[in-house]
Amino acid sequence: MRKVFILIFSIFPLFVYPEVKQEIKKSFDYPEISRMRLSNVNGEISIQSWEKNKIEVLAVKKTKWNHEALERVEVVMEVDGDLLKIKTEYRKKFLFLDGDRAWVDYSVKVPQKFDLKSIKNVNGEIHLENLQGDIETATVNGRISIVNCGGSLKANTVNGSIDASLNYIKNYVDINTVNGSIDLSIPLNIDGELEVNTINGKISSDLSITLKDFYFHSRKLRATLGDGGIPIKLSTINGSITISELKDRSRI
């Protein structure tokens, strides 16, 4: 039996390839394009604002398999009116997909006032920073981080935590996860209606709230912030929920 294991481990390194990558970079004009939709499968997504009046997309295809696996991954960018549509596509090899052999990391720069209509991932984190527009984002396996943003927000994941710091809220906040915590930081002067739910976790807040309902066994809380108004919904199953004051507003 020992000889068999020695044979396996001596042959295996022959099939290990160094990481190879291919960069794709494109720029688009603003305000001709003021919205974006991005759909990825495997890899990270990072979107940040900058001072230039254009959108810059850097997509890096990566694999630790071989160049053939890399070539079967396509990055498609299309313009539909004022909407930029980006998606990752995997070409089939016979009856199988090589999705587990290659991935795409996206790094996108946009003007600060820019709407993210649908930023979706399957396996990978999503990071959004310093944006002042409506945001709709979701992943399945990965953390979502939203830093110093403002507008309306909808964020969903299944396996991962969601951290969001918002310097203002436009119409609503709707944050959901299944296995992970939620950490929301907002200014003290927000007027909103809180609806917070968790099954296996704690609910905590350092904000001044007017409590409406609290169900201890189901960990469900309804409360009013300030004069009320804006719906703020936070929900998880396995994880705690924290609502705190946004303390660092120097970058607003």
Protein backbone atom coordinates (compact mmCIF):
# COMPACT_ATOMS: atom_id res chain seq x y z
CA MET A 1 0.00 0.00 0.00
CA ARG A 2 2.87 2.37 0.74
CA LYS A 3 4.27 1.90 -2.78
CA VAL A 4 0.93 2.94 -4.27
CA PHE A 5 0.91 6.25 -2.36
CA ILE A 6 4.49 6.99 -3.37
CA LEU A 7 3.58 6.48 -7.03
CA ILE A 8 0.57 8.78 -6.79
CA PHE A 9 2.46 11.64 -5.17
CA SER A 10 5.38 11.33 -7.56
CA ILE A 11 3.12 11.61 -10.63
CA PHE A 12 0.75 14.31 -9.35
CA PRO A 13 3.20 17.26 -9.62
CA LEU A 14 3.45 16.66 -13.36
CA PHE A 15 -0.13 17.96 -13.68
CA VAL A 16 0.29 21.11 -11.56
CA TYR A 17 0.53 24.31 -13.59
CA PRO A 18 1.63 27.74 -12.39
CA GLU A 19 -1.08 30.37 -12.26
CA VAL A 20 -1.66 32.00 -15.62
CA LYS A 21 -3.76 35.09 -16.23
CA GLN A 22 -5.05 37.35 -18.95
CA GLU A 23 -6.10 40.98 -18.47
CA ILE A 24 -8.94 42.67 -20.32
CA LYS A 25 -9.37 46.43 -19.86
CA LYS A 26 -12.02 48.66 -21.40
CA SER A 27 -13.26 52.20 -20.79
CA PHE A 28 -16.71 53.71 -21.34
CA ASP A 29 -17.96 57.30 -21.31
CA TYR A 30 -20.03 58.89 -18.53
CA PRO A 31 -22.77 60.20 -18.36
CA GLU A 32 -23.66 58.42 -21.59
CA ILE A 33 -23.50 55.29 -19.43
CA SER A 34 -24.88 55.83 -15.92
CA ARG A 35 -25.83 52.31 -14.85
CA MET A 36 -24.14 48.93 -14.74
CA ARG A 37 -25.09 45.27 -14.49
CA LEU A 38 -22.37 42.70 -13.76
CA SER A 39 -22.73 38.92 -13.47
CA ASN A 40 -19.79 36.76 -12.41
CA VAL A 41 -19.45 33.08 -11.49
CA ASN A 42 -16.10 32.52 -9.79
CA GLY A 43 -13.86 35.32 -8.54
CA GLU A 44 -13.97 38.63 -6.72
CA ILE A 45 -15.79 41.83 -7.67
CA SER A 46 -14.50 45.24 -6.56
CA ILE A 47 -16.18 48.50 -7.58
CA GLN A 48 -14.94 51.89 -6.38
CA SER A 49 -15.50 55.50 -7.37
CA TRP A 50 -12.95 57.90 -8.78
CA GLU A 51 -12.92 61.51 -10.00
CA LYS A 52 -12.82 60.80 -13.75
CA ASN A 53 -15.95 60.99 -15.93
CA LYS A 54 -15.62 57.51 -17.33
CA ILE A 55 -16.05 53.87 -16.38
CA GLU A 56 -12.98 51.64 -16.41
CA VAL A 57 -13.37 47.87 -16.27
CA LEU A 58 -10.42 45.60 -15.56
CA ALA A 59 -11.24 41.89 -15.82
CA VAL A 60 -8.44 39.44 -14.98
CA LYS A 61 -9.00 35.85 -16.06
CA LYS A 62 -7.00 33.40 -13.94
CA THR A 63 -6.40 29.67 -13.76
CA LYS A 64 -4.03 27.17 -12.18
CA TRP A 65 -4.84 24.56 -14.78
CA ASN A 66 -3.69 25.43 -18.30
CA HIS A 67 -4.16 27.98 -21.07
CA GLU A 68 -6.96 25.93 -22.60
CA ALA A 69 -9.06 26.32 -19.46
CA LEU A 70 -8.36 30.05 -19.50
CA GLU A 71 -9.53 30.42 -23.09
CA ARG A 72 -12.85 28.75 -22.30
CA VAL A 73 -13.75 31.69 -20.05
CA GLU A 74 -15.16 34.74 -21.83
CA VAL A 75 -15.78 38.25 -20.53
CA VAL A 76 -18.67 39.85 -22.43
CA MET A 77 -19.27 43.62 -22.29
CA GLU A 78 -22.24 45.20 -24.03
CA VAL A 79 -23.83 48.65 -24.01
CA ASP A 80 -27.62 48.95 -24.04
CA GLY A 81 -28.61 52.61 -23.96
CA ASP A 82 -27.24 54.04 -20.72
CA LEU A 83 -26.70 50.54 -19.27
CA LEU A 84 -23.35 48.71 -19.31
CA LYS A 85 -23.82 44.93 -19.17
CA ILE A 86 -20.90 42.72 -18.16
CA LYS A 87 -20.97 38.96 -17.71
CA THR A 88 -18.68 35.96 -17.37
CA GLU A 89 -19.42 33.03 -19.65
CA TYR A 90 -17.94 29.53 -19.66
CA ARG A 91 -17.77 27.57 -22.87
CA LYS A 92 -18.44 23.85 -22.59
CA LYS A 93 -15.86 21.17 -23.19
CA PHE A 94 -17.82 18.14 -24.29
CA LEU A 95 -20.54 17.85 -21.61
CA PHE A 96 -18.71 19.63 -18.82
CA LEU A 97 -17.88 23.14 -17.72
CA ASP A 98 -14.43 24.25 -16.60
CA GLY A 99 -15.84 26.69 -14.09
CA ASP A 100 -13.85 25.19 -11.24
CA ARG A 101 -10.58 25.54 -13.17
CA ALA A 102 -10.68 29.24 -14.02
CA TRP A 103 -12.09 32.40 -12.48
CA VAL A 104 -12.39 36.12 -13.20
CA ASP A 105 -11.56 38.97 -10.82
CA TYR A 106 -13.22 42.29 -11.67
CA SER A 107 -11.89 45.69 -10.63
CA VAL A 108 -14.17 48.51 -11.78
CA LYS A 109 -13.88 52.28 -11.35
CA VAL A 110 -16.91 54.50 -11.83
CA PRO A 111 -17.96 58.09 -11.10
CA GLN A 112 -19.29 58.50 -7.59
CA LYS A 113 -22.91 59.11 -8.65
CA PHE A 114 -23.47 55.83 -10.45
CA ASP A 115 -26.21 53.21 -10.15
CA LEU A 116 -25.33 49.53 -9.75
CA LYS A 117 -28.49 47.84 -10.99
CA SER A 118 -27.44 44.23 -10.51
CA ILE A 119 -24.01 43.14 -9.26
CA LYS A 120 -24.12 39.36 -8.93
CA ASN A 121 -21.63 36.64 -8.09
CA VAL A 122 -21.78 32.95 -7.26
CA ASN A 123 -18.47 32.07 -5.63
CA GLY A 124 -16.56 35.10 -4.45
CA GLU A 125 -16.61 38.31 -2.44
CA ILE A 126 -18.12 41.62 -3.50
CA HIS A 127 -16.58 44.92 -2.37
CA LEU A 128 -18.22 48.29 -3.10
CA GLU A 129 -16.70 51.55 -1.90
CA ASN A 130 -17.41 55.29 -1.92
CA LEU A 131 -20.46 55.16 -4.20
CA GLN A 132 -23.45 57.49 -4.13
CA GLY A 133 -26.08 55.70 -6.18
CA ASP A 134 -28.62 52.90 -5.90
CA ILE A 135 -27.07 49.48 -5.26
CA GLU A 136 -28.45 46.00 -5.86
CA THR A 137 -25.95 43.20 -5.21
CA ALA A 138 -25.95 39.48 -4.43
CA THR A 139 -23.64 36.50 -4.13
CA VAL A 140 -24.07 32.90 -3.01
CA ASN A 141 -20.78 31.96 -1.39
CA GLY A 142 -18.91 35.03 -0.25
CA ARG A 143 -18.84 38.14 1.89
CA ILE A 144 -20.32 41.47 0.81
CA SER A 145 -18.58 44.64 1.93
CA ILE A 146 -20.14 48.07 1.30
CA VAL A 147 -18.00 50.98 2.50
CA ASN A 148 -18.96 54.66 2.69
CA CYS A 149 -21.85 54.42 0.23
CA GLY A 150 -25.20 56.17 0.01
CA GLY A 151 -28.51 55.61 -1.77
CA SER A 152 -30.97 52.73 -1.78
CA LEU A 153 -29.46 49.33 -0.99
CA LYS A 154 -30.46 45.73 -1.58
CA ALA A 155 -27.83 43.11 -0.66
CA ASN A 156 -28.15 39.31 -0.44
CA THR A 157 -25.85 36.37 0.18
CA VAL A 158 -26.30 32.79 1.37
CA ASN A 159 -22.97 31.83 2.90
CA GLY A 160 -21.22 34.97 4.08
CA SER A 161 -21.48 38.09 6.19
CA ILE A 162 -22.62 41.52 5.01
CA ASP A 163 -20.99 44.71 6.29
CA ALA A 164 -22.45 48.02 5.16
CA SER A 165 -21.62 51.61 6.11
CA LEU A 166 -24.06 54.11 4.61
CA ASN A 167 -23.72 57.88 4.89
CA TYR A 168 -27.33 58.38 3.77
CA ILE A 169 -30.32 56.28 2.74
CA LYS A 170 -32.47 57.26 -0.22
CA ASN A 171 -35.56 55.01 -0.30
CA TYR A 172 -34.83 51.71 1.47
CA VAL A 173 -32.30 49.23 2.87
CA ASP A 174 -32.90 45.48 2.45
CA ILE A 175 -30.08 43.18 3.62
CA ASN A 176 -30.40 39.39 3.81
CA THR A 177 -28.10 36.45 4.47
CA VAL A 178 -28.55 32.87 5.68
CA ASN A 179 -25.23 31.86 7.21
CA GLY A 180 -23.49 35.02 8.33
CA SER A 181 -23.71 38.17 10.39
CA ILE A 182 -24.95 41.63 9.38
CA ASP A 183 -23.22 44.84 10.47
CA LEU A 184 -24.92 48.09 9.44
CA SER A 185 -23.49 51.54 10.24
CA ILE A 186 -25.63 54.63 9.57
CA PRO A 187 -25.71 58.29 10.70
CA LEU A 188 -27.59 59.25 13.86
CA ASN A 189 -30.01 61.51 11.97
CA ILE A 190 -31.55 58.73 9.85
CA ASP A 191 -35.36 58.52 10.04
CA GLY A 192 -36.44 54.95 9.44
CA GLU A 193 -38.52 51.93 10.34
CA LEU A 194 -36.40 48.99 11.49
CA GLU A 195 -37.37 45.37 10.91
CA VAL A 196 -34.67 43.01 12.18
CA ASN A 197 -34.79 39.19 12.21
CA THR A 198 -32.39 36.44 13.24
CA ILE A 199 -32.86 32.86 14.44
CA ASN A 200 -29.47 31.86 15.85
CA GLY A 201 -27.79 35.08 16.89
CA LYS A 202 -28.03 38.35 18.79
CA ILE A 203 -29.46 41.77 17.91
CA SER A 204 -27.58 44.81 19.20
CA SER A 205 -27.61 48.55 18.53
CA ASP A 206 -26.06 51.69 19.99
CA LEU A 207 -28.61 53.95 18.27
CA SER A 208 -31.55 55.61 19.98
CA ILE A 209 -34.63 53.68 18.87
CA THR A 210 -38.30 53.53 19.80
CA LEU A 211 -39.14 49.87 20.31
CA LYS A 212 -42.39 48.60 18.79
CA ASP A 213 -42.17 44.82 19.07
CA PHE A 214 -39.55 42.35 20.22
CA TYR A 215 -40.05 38.59 20.12
CA PHE A 216 -37.37 36.93 22.23
CA HIS A 217 -37.68 33.37 20.97
CA SER A 218 -37.67 34.25 17.27
CA ARG A 219 -35.20 37.14 17.72
CA LYS A 220 -37.43 39.56 15.83
CA LEU A 221 -37.39 43.30 16.44
CA ARG A 222 -39.42 46.20 15.08
CA ALA A 223 -38.46 49.74 16.01
CA THR A 224 -38.45 53.36 14.84
CA LEU A 225 -35.40 55.51 14.19
CA GLY A 226 -36.04 59.24 14.62
CA ASP A 227 -39.32 60.20 12.98
CA GLY A 228 -39.56 56.92 11.05
CA GLY A 229 -40.26 56.56 7.36
CA ILE A 230 -37.51 54.77 5.42
CA PRO A 231 -37.86 50.96 5.60
CA ILE A 232 -34.68 49.25 6.86
CA LYS A 233 -34.92 45.44 6.78
CA LEU A 234 -32.16 43.18 8.09
CA SER A 235 -32.48 39.39 8.18
CA THR A 236 -30.27 36.38 8.82
CA ILE A 237 -30.74 32.85 10.15
CA ASN A 238 -27.34 31.89 11.53
CA GLY A 239 -25.62 35.06 12.68
CA SER A 240 -25.90 38.21 14.75
CA ILE A 241 -27.09 41.63 13.62
CA THR A 242 -25.44 44.87 14.74
CA ILE A 243 -26.70 48.39 14.00
CA SER A 244 -24.32 51.17 14.95
CA GLU A 245 -23.54 54.84 14.42
CA LEU A 246 -21.43 55.73 11.41
CA LYS A 247 -18.53 57.48 13.11
CA ASP A 248 -16.08 58.23 10.28
CA ARG A 249 -17.70 60.51 7.70
CA SER A 250 -14.48 62.21 6.60
CA ARG A 251 -14.69 60.71 3.10
CA ILE A 252 -18.22 61.83 2.32
